[in-house]
Each structure stands twice: as C-alpha cells, then as structure tokens.
Amino acid sequence: MQLKNWLEEHYPQLSTHGVQGKHFPAPQWAVLFANAAGMLQMAGFLFMFGGPMLFQGMGIPTPSWAQFVFDNKLMCYGGIYVMNMVAAKFVQTGAFEIYHNDELVFSKRQLQRLPDINEVVQILGRRGLHMEN
C-alpha cells in the first residue's frame, strides 16, 4: 500500500500512460472456505450464547459437549476467532503486479518479493516514464 501511494504521488501520469495494477482474486475453493468459516463463526456465537435455551426449548437434556461450550465461552470464542483469521488468509493472494500497456513488467507472484522503490523507478524509466516533482 505504501508503494502504491508513493507511485500515485510521484507518478500522477501513470493512469494515462497505460500503467496499471490488477486484482487477482483468490481461488474459488478459498473463497468458499472463508465464507463457510464466517458462517460457522456466526453460528458458533449464536450457539455459545443462545444454546442453553435451544435445548430447553426442545425439552431435551443438554449434551455434555454443548455444556462444555457454554461453560468455556471465552476459550471457544478464541478458537472461533482464530479459525476465522486463518480462513481470511486463504483469500489474500498477496499479488503485486505492474503492467505497462498490458505487458507485465513486474510480478511479486513470480519473483516472490516486492520491488523496492528504486527498482520501480528503473522499470518505469526504461519505459519512458519519469517522476514528477
């Protein structure tokens, strides 16, 4: 984000010279996993705080596993929270790519690293784009 902001500040002409970044969506399975984790999180919270009434309303005794959840809300909340954070990581692609006139000139996905500012300045300079003061 810092590099993006720096580029916008020092190269305001980028949008008119065909330089762009592209969004890479996460794989469909990761999106489904993250959505399911979110739904499980909501269901878990509802169950932790409303579960005793559910069993009472149905007129059945509370199972021991459910009683454990009710008695250990903080620990269960922490587990659900961590599960949701892990699921959110699956949908972050970490992509940072620079295109000029639809040609890929830098790819974090291919090189497994972000460029430094000097590298970006050199890449853009070789393509005839220079920093504005």
Protein backbone atom coordinates (compact mmCIF):
# COMPACT_ATOMS: atom_id res chain seq x y z
CA MET A 1 0.00 0.00 0.00
CA GLN A 2 2.89 2.35 0.77
CA LEU A 3 4.43 1.70 -2.63
CA LYS A 4 1.09 2.25 -4.35
CA ASN A 5 0.63 5.58 -2.55
CA TRP A 6 4.20 6.61 -3.37
CA LEU A 7 3.69 5.79 -7.05
CA GLU A 8 0.45 7.78 -7.20
CA GLU A 9 2.17 10.77 -5.58
CA HIS A 10 5.32 10.77 -7.73
CA TYR A 11 3.85 9.43 -10.99
CA PRO A 12 0.41 11.03 -11.31
CA GLN A 13 0.59 10.42 -15.08
CA LEU A 14 0.62 6.63 -14.65
CA SER A 15 -3.10 6.20 -15.19
CA THR A 16 -2.89 7.98 -18.56
CA HIS A 17 0.19 6.03 -19.73
CA GLY A 18 -1.20 2.53 -19.56
CA VAL A 19 0.43 1.59 -16.25
CA GLN A 20 -1.93 -0.32 -14.03
CA GLY A 21 -2.19 -2.82 -11.27
CA LYS A 22 -4.56 -5.73 -11.46
CA HIS A 23 -6.54 -7.52 -8.79
CA PHE A 24 -6.03 -11.26 -8.56
CA PRO A 25 -8.96 -12.99 -6.93
CA ALA A 26 -8.38 -15.91 -4.62
CA PRO A 27 -9.18 -19.41 -5.89
CA GLN A 28 -12.86 -20.33 -5.65
CA TRP A 29 -12.21 -23.03 -3.03
CA ALA A 30 -10.53 -20.44 -0.78
CA VAL A 31 -13.47 -18.05 -1.12
CA LEU A 32 -15.90 -20.85 -0.28
CA PHE A 33 -13.76 -21.88 2.71
CA ALA A 34 -13.61 -18.30 4.02
CA ASN A 35 -17.37 -17.86 3.56
CA ALA A 36 -18.08 -21.14 5.35
CA ALA A 37 -15.77 -20.09 8.20
CA GLY A 38 -17.65 -16.81 8.52
CA MET A 39 -20.98 -18.61 8.68
CA LEU A 40 -19.59 -21.06 11.24
CA GLN A 41 -18.33 -18.14 13.28
CA MET A 42 -21.79 -16.55 13.40
CA ALA A 43 -23.46 -19.88 14.16
CA GLY A 44 -20.87 -20.57 16.86
CA PHE A 45 -21.52 -17.23 18.55
CA LEU A 46 -25.28 -17.75 18.45
CA PHE A 47 -24.87 -21.25 19.82
CA MET A 48 -22.48 -20.17 22.60
CA PHE A 49 -24.87 -17.55 23.91
CA GLY A 50 -28.28 -18.95 22.96
CA GLY A 51 -27.62 -22.67 23.02
CA PRO A 52 -28.97 -23.43 26.51
CA MET A 53 -32.35 -22.02 25.51
CA LEU A 54 -32.29 -24.16 22.35
CA PHE A 55 -32.04 -27.40 24.30
CA GLN A 56 -34.52 -26.22 26.95
CA GLY A 57 -36.99 -25.23 24.23
CA MET A 58 -36.73 -28.65 22.63
CA GLY A 59 -37.19 -30.29 26.02
CA ILE A 60 -34.04 -32.39 25.79
CA PRO A 61 -31.13 -32.55 28.19
CA THR A 62 -28.06 -30.53 27.28
CA PRO A 63 -25.35 -32.80 25.79
CA SER A 64 -22.01 -32.80 27.57
CA TRP A 65 -20.18 -31.30 24.55
CA ALA A 66 -22.66 -28.42 24.47
CA GLN A 67 -22.31 -27.87 28.21
CA PHE A 68 -18.53 -27.68 27.71
CA VAL A 69 -19.05 -24.92 25.11
CA PHE A 70 -21.40 -23.00 27.40
CA ASP A 71 -19.03 -23.32 30.37
CA ASN A 72 -15.95 -22.30 28.33
CA LYS A 73 -17.26 -19.45 26.20
CA LEU A 74 -14.02 -17.46 26.24
CA MET A 75 -11.90 -20.39 25.05
CA CYS A 76 -14.45 -21.31 22.37
CA TYR A 77 -14.71 -17.69 21.25
CA GLY A 78 -10.91 -17.60 20.89
CA GLY A 79 -10.94 -20.79 18.83
CA ILE A 80 -13.64 -19.47 16.52
CA TYR A 81 -11.84 -16.15 16.16
CA VAL A 82 -8.54 -17.83 15.23
CA MET A 83 -10.31 -20.14 12.76
CA ASN A 84 -11.84 -17.13 11.02
CA MET A 85 -8.47 -15.33 10.86
CA VAL A 86 -6.87 -18.40 9.27
CA ALA A 87 -9.71 -18.64 6.74
CA ALA A 88 -9.25 -14.95 5.85
CA LYS A 89 -5.58 -15.61 5.00
CA PHE A 90 -6.66 -18.08 2.30
CA VAL A 91 -8.32 -15.30 0.28
CA GLN A 92 -5.33 -12.94 0.36
CA THR A 93 -3.35 -13.54 -2.82
CA GLY A 94 -0.55 -11.11 -1.98
CA ALA A 95 -0.38 -10.15 -5.65
CA PHE A 96 1.51 -7.01 -6.60
CA GLU A 97 2.00 -6.69 -10.31
CA ILE A 98 2.83 -3.77 -12.55
CA TYR A 99 1.63 -3.68 -16.15
CA HIS A 100 2.52 -1.16 -18.83
CA ASN A 101 0.35 -1.23 -21.96
CA ASP A 102 -0.94 -4.68 -20.94
CA GLU A 103 2.62 -6.07 -20.68
CA LEU A 104 3.69 -7.47 -17.31
CA VAL A 105 6.80 -5.59 -16.14
CA PHE A 106 6.95 -6.75 -12.51
CA SER A 107 5.29 -9.66 -10.71
CA LYS A 108 5.54 -10.33 -6.98
CA ARG A 109 3.79 -13.62 -7.65
CA GLN A 110 6.58 -14.74 -9.99
CA LEU A 111 9.55 -13.32 -8.05
CA GLN A 112 8.10 -13.96 -4.57
CA ARG A 113 9.11 -10.49 -3.38
CA LEU A 114 8.03 -6.88 -3.56
CA PRO A 115 10.11 -4.43 -5.58
CA ASP A 116 11.90 -1.60 -3.85
CA ILE A 117 11.19 1.95 -4.93
CA ASN A 118 14.46 2.26 -6.90
CA GLU A 119 13.59 -0.86 -8.88
CA VAL A 120 10.17 0.54 -9.78
CA VAL A 121 11.73 3.88 -10.81
CA GLN A 122 14.19 1.99 -13.07
CA ILE A 123 11.43 -0.15 -14.60
CA LEU A 124 9.27 2.88 -15.36
CA GLY A 125 12.27 4.93 -16.56
CA ARG A 126 13.19 2.23 -19.09
CA ARG A 127 9.66 2.61 -20.41
CA GLY A 128 9.96 6.40 -20.78
CA LEU A 129 8.02 7.36 -17.64
CA HIS A 130 9.74 9.70 -15.21
CA MET A 131 8.99 11.03 -11.77
CA GLU A 132 7.23 14.37 -11.47
CA ASN A 133 8.48 16.70 -8.76
